[in-house]
């Protein structure tokens, strides 16, 4: 027996506005799940790159270190290493340009920072969709509920029947829209928070790698936080 309180019944009995709200919530749900899945896979891949970057400083030279980082052009650690090498070589080889007035340390710092900023923008792309869905979906669902209750009350008043069995069905169907709004918003909010934490972890590792890379490009040796003064880990120059 077909249920009179299911989603199919709401769709069949709803008007244009009710159906538009339902389609909008469905589209927002699909968009948020696509972003969550794609960005989660990216974070997993970048964490693998971060683990591979730990072996960079145990290489014999710079070229060997790049091989350990892999050949993936989307690897932010590989891009950062190449950027640091090219920035150092460019500053030392070119003459009579504006950046000659900058210290090599400042020049390399700026180049590395620009690279990190570009990666940060790519890493955070799509999060605005989750934030928008999480903040607006409950209100869109509530609008559908209010609209449904309004029409339900009009229909009840027109028929002149206000018994509980006549009221419960239309009101319950209208409240389904609120539930749909929450079902769309909650995964978006949880996914947003999880992705922000994952992005922060990746950026922390990338900044740490950039700190060591800056020290290597400028001095030819790796300097890590917490290492005693005067004790550094040398890496043969490959630039």
Protein backbone atom coordinates (compact mmCIF):
# COMPACT_ATOMS: atom_id res chain seq x y z
CA UNK A 1 0.00 0.00 0.00
CA UNK A 2 1.46 3.36 -0.98
CA UNK A 3 2.37 5.54 1.98
CA UNK A 4 0.74 8.95 2.18
CA UNK A 5 3.55 10.33 4.31
CA UNK A 6 6.60 9.51 2.15
CA UNK A 7 8.80 11.67 -0.02
CA UNK A 8 7.05 10.49 -3.17
CA UNK A 9 3.71 11.67 -1.80
CA UNK A 10 5.22 15.04 -0.86
CA UNK A 11 6.52 15.41 -4.41
CA UNK A 12 3.22 14.43 -6.01
CA UNK A 13 1.11 16.67 -3.77
CA UNK A 14 3.51 19.62 -3.71
CA UNK A 15 3.24 22.66 -5.92
CA UNK A 16 5.93 24.35 -7.99
CA UNK A 17 7.59 26.05 -5.00
CA UNK A 18 7.75 22.84 -2.97
CA UNK A 19 9.29 20.92 -5.83
CA UNK A 20 11.75 23.74 -6.53
CA UNK A 21 12.90 23.70 -2.89
CA UNK A 22 13.32 19.91 -3.00
CA UNK A 23 15.36 20.07 -6.23
CA UNK A 24 17.49 22.89 -4.82
CA UNK A 25 18.24 20.91 -1.65
CA UNK A 26 19.11 17.86 -3.74
CA UNK A 27 21.50 19.91 -5.88
CA UNK A 28 23.15 21.42 -2.81
CA UNK A 29 23.57 17.96 -1.29
CA UNK A 30 25.19 16.59 -4.45
CA UNK A 31 27.51 19.59 -4.71
CA UNK A 32 28.62 19.31 -1.08
CA UNK A 33 29.28 15.56 -1.31
CA UNK A 34 31.27 15.99 -4.53
CA UNK A 35 33.44 18.65 -2.86
CA UNK A 36 33.90 16.53 0.28
CA UNK A 37 34.97 13.44 -1.67
CA UNK A 38 37.31 15.28 -4.06
CA UNK A 39 38.98 17.37 -1.34
CA UNK A 40 39.29 14.37 0.99
CA UNK A 41 41.11 12.42 -1.74
CA UNK A 42 43.39 15.42 -2.31
CA UNK A 43 44.25 15.58 1.39
CA UNK A 44 45.10 11.87 1.44
CA UNK A 45 47.37 12.37 -1.58
CA UNK A 46 49.07 15.43 -0.10
CA UNK A 47 49.71 13.60 3.19
CA UNK A 48 51.46 10.89 1.20
CA UNK A 49 53.58 13.58 -0.45
CA UNK A 50 54.35 15.01 3.00
CA UNK A 51 55.61 11.63 4.22
CA UNK A 52 57.75 11.31 1.11
CA UNK A 53 59.19 14.78 1.76
CA UNK A 54 60.72 13.53 5.01
CA UNK A 55 63.26 11.57 2.97
CA UNK A 56 64.26 14.59 0.90
CA UNK A 57 66.83 15.72 3.45
CA UNK A 58 68.45 12.29 3.59
CA UNK A 59 69.38 12.42 -0.09
CA UNK A 60 72.90 12.66 -1.44
CA UNK A 61 72.16 15.79 -3.47
CA UNK A 62 69.30 17.98 -4.61
CA UNK A 63 68.54 15.94 -7.74
CA UNK A 64 68.26 12.75 -5.69
CA UNK A 65 65.97 14.55 -3.30
CA UNK A 66 63.66 15.54 -6.15
CA UNK A 67 63.52 11.90 -7.24
CA UNK A 68 62.35 10.92 -3.77
CA UNK A 69 59.57 13.49 -4.02
CA UNK A 70 58.25 11.72 -7.10
CA UNK A 71 57.27 12.94 -10.53
CA UNK A 72 53.77 14.16 -9.71
CA UNK A 73 53.59 17.78 -10.97
CA UNK A 74 50.83 18.47 -8.43
CA UNK A 75 53.13 17.59 -5.50
CA UNK A 76 53.38 20.88 -3.55
CA UNK A 77 56.66 19.82 -1.89
CA UNK A 78 58.27 19.11 -5.26
CA UNK A 79 56.99 22.42 -6.65
CA UNK A 80 58.35 24.24 -3.62
CA UNK A 81 61.77 22.60 -3.96
CA UNK A 82 62.00 23.50 -7.64
CA UNK A 83 60.84 27.05 -6.92
CA UNK A 84 63.52 27.48 -4.27
CA UNK A 85 66.25 26.15 -6.54
CA UNK A 86 65.21 28.31 -9.48
CA UNK A 87 64.81 31.42 -7.32
CA UNK A 88 68.31 31.00 -5.90
CA UNK A 89 69.89 30.38 -9.31
CA UNK A 90 68.01 33.27 -10.91
CA UNK A 91 69.07 35.74 -8.23
CA UNK A 92 72.74 34.74 -8.44
CA UNK A 93 73.00 34.63 -12.22
CA UNK A 94 71.07 37.70 -13.37
CA UNK A 95 72.33 41.25 -13.14
CA UNK A 96 70.90 44.74 -13.45
CA UNK A 97 67.37 43.83 -12.38
CA UNK A 98 65.18 45.22 -9.64
CA UNK A 99 65.54 42.16 -7.42
CA UNK A 100 69.31 42.72 -7.29
CA UNK A 101 68.60 45.25 -4.55
CA UNK A 102 67.06 42.47 -2.44
CA UNK A 103 69.09 40.13 -0.30
CA UNK A 104 69.08 36.55 -1.59
CA UNK A 105 67.33 35.49 1.62
CA UNK A 106 64.51 37.97 1.08
CA UNK A 107 64.21 37.01 -2.59
CA UNK A 108 63.98 33.27 -1.84
CA UNK A 109 61.56 33.92 1.02
CA UNK A 110 59.25 35.89 -1.25
CA UNK A 111 59.31 33.25 -3.98
CA UNK A 112 58.60 30.42 -1.55
CA UNK A 113 55.83 32.40 0.11
CA UNK A 114 54.17 33.13 -3.24
CA UNK A 115 54.28 29.43 -4.08
CA UNK A 116 52.72 28.49 -0.74
CA UNK A 117 50.03 31.15 -1.13
CA UNK A 118 49.07 29.79 -4.56
CA UNK A 119 48.88 26.25 -3.19
CA UNK A 120 46.81 27.45 -0.22
CA UNK A 121 44.30 29.03 -2.59
CA UNK A 122 44.01 25.76 -4.54
CA UNK A 123 43.77 23.75 -1.33
CA UNK A 124 40.91 25.87 0.00
CA UNK A 125 38.96 26.01 -3.24
CA UNK A 126 35.53 24.48 -2.82
CA UNK A 127 35.29 25.12 0.91
CA UNK A 128 33.12 28.16 0.24
CA UNK A 129 30.53 25.80 -1.27
CA UNK A 130 30.40 23.74 1.92
CA UNK A 131 30.18 26.86 4.05
CA UNK A 132 27.33 28.24 1.94
CA UNK A 133 25.42 24.94 1.95
CA UNK A 134 25.88 24.48 5.70
CA UNK A 135 24.62 27.95 6.49
CA UNK A 136 21.70 28.21 4.03
CA UNK A 137 20.27 24.68 3.66
CA UNK A 138 18.38 24.70 7.00
CA UNK A 139 16.68 27.98 6.11
CA UNK A 140 15.77 26.75 2.62
CA UNK A 141 14.24 23.67 4.18
CA UNK A 142 12.42 25.86 6.70
CA UNK A 143 11.05 27.98 3.86
CA UNK A 144 9.68 24.81 2.25
CA UNK A 145 8.08 23.87 5.56
CA UNK A 146 6.42 27.25 6.03
CA UNK A 147 5.16 27.20 2.45
CA UNK A 148 3.80 23.68 2.84
CA UNK A 149 2.07 24.47 6.15
CA UNK A 150 0.52 27.58 4.63
CA UNK A 151 -1.03 25.63 1.78
CA UNK A 152 -2.02 22.79 4.09
CA UNK A 153 -3.91 25.18 6.36
CA UNK A 154 -5.61 26.78 3.36
CA UNK A 155 -6.74 23.35 2.14
CA UNK A 156 -7.99 22.39 5.61
CA UNK A 157 -9.89 25.66 5.95
CA UNK A 158 -11.46 25.23 2.53
CA UNK A 159 -12.63 21.69 3.25
CA UNK A 160 -13.88 22.63 6.70
CA UNK A 161 -12.39 19.46 8.21
CA UNK A 162 -9.90 20.07 11.02
CA UNK A 163 -9.74 16.68 12.69
CA UNK A 164 -6.35 15.27 13.68
CA UNK A 165 -6.29 12.80 10.80
CA UNK A 166 -6.84 15.62 8.31
CA UNK A 167 -4.21 17.89 9.91
CA UNK A 168 -1.44 15.38 10.66
CA UNK A 169 -0.82 14.38 7.03
CA UNK A 170 -0.35 17.81 5.43
CA UNK A 171 1.60 19.23 8.38
CA UNK A 172 3.85 16.16 8.56
CA UNK A 173 4.58 16.39 4.85
CA UNK A 174 5.54 20.03 5.24
CA UNK A 175 7.89 19.26 8.13
CA UNK A 176 9.76 16.82 5.90
CA UNK A 177 11.30 19.83 4.15
CA UNK A 178 12.92 20.93 7.42
CA UNK A 179 14.37 17.45 7.87
CA UNK A 180 15.74 17.54 4.31
CA UNK A 181 17.37 20.91 4.98
CA UNK A 182 19.12 19.53 8.06
CA UNK A 183 20.14 16.36 6.21
CA UNK A 184 21.86 18.54 3.62
CA UNK A 185 23.44 21.02 6.06
CA UNK A 186 24.90 18.64 8.66
CA UNK A 187 27.25 16.69 6.31
CA UNK A 188 28.36 19.98 4.74
CA UNK A 189 29.28 21.49 8.12
CA UNK A 190 31.05 18.34 9.35
CA UNK A 191 32.87 17.96 6.03
CA UNK A 192 33.95 21.61 6.11
CA UNK A 193 35.43 21.27 9.61
CA UNK A 194 37.23 18.04 8.72
CA UNK A 195 38.69 19.48 5.53
CA UNK A 196 39.85 22.64 7.31
CA UNK A 197 41.71 20.51 9.86
CA UNK A 198 43.27 18.41 7.09
CA UNK A 199 44.31 21.49 5.13
CA UNK A 200 45.89 23.00 8.24
CA UNK A 201 47.96 19.86 8.78
CA UNK A 202 49.21 19.92 5.18
CA UNK A 203 50.09 23.62 5.33
CA UNK A 204 51.98 23.18 8.60
CA UNK A 205 54.15 20.49 7.02
CA UNK A 206 54.64 22.57 3.89
CA UNK A 207 55.70 25.61 5.91
CA UNK A 208 58.15 23.49 7.88
CA UNK A 209 59.58 22.13 4.63
CA UNK A 210 59.83 25.66 3.26
CA UNK A 211 61.76 26.78 6.35
CA UNK A 212 64.36 24.07 5.84
CA UNK A 213 64.43 24.67 2.10
CA UNK A 214 65.05 28.38 2.62
CA UNK A 215 67.99 27.61 4.90
CA UNK A 216 69.42 25.21 2.34
CA UNK A 217 69.02 27.58 -0.61
CA UNK A 218 70.64 30.46 1.24
CA UNK A 219 73.37 28.67 3.22
CA UNK A 220 73.54 25.22 1.66
CA UNK A 221 72.62 23.52 4.93
CA UNK A 222 69.42 22.49 6.61
CA UNK A 223 68.53 24.28 9.86
CA UNK A 224 65.67 22.78 11.87
CA UNK A 225 63.87 24.25 14.85
CA UNK A 226 65.14 22.74 18.08
CA UNK A 227 68.61 21.89 16.74
CA UNK A 228 71.46 23.12 18.88
CA UNK A 229 73.26 26.22 17.71
CA UNK A 230 76.12 25.37 15.39
CA UNK A 231 74.78 21.91 14.58
CA UNK A 232 73.22 21.69 11.14
CA UNK A 233 72.56 18.88 8.73
CA UNK A 234 74.46 19.54 5.51
CA UNK A 235 73.07 18.62 2.11
CA UNK A 236 75.23 18.76 -0.95
CA UNK A 237 74.41 21.64 -3.23
CA UNK A 238 72.56 20.79 -6.39
CA UNK A 239 71.68 24.22 -7.69
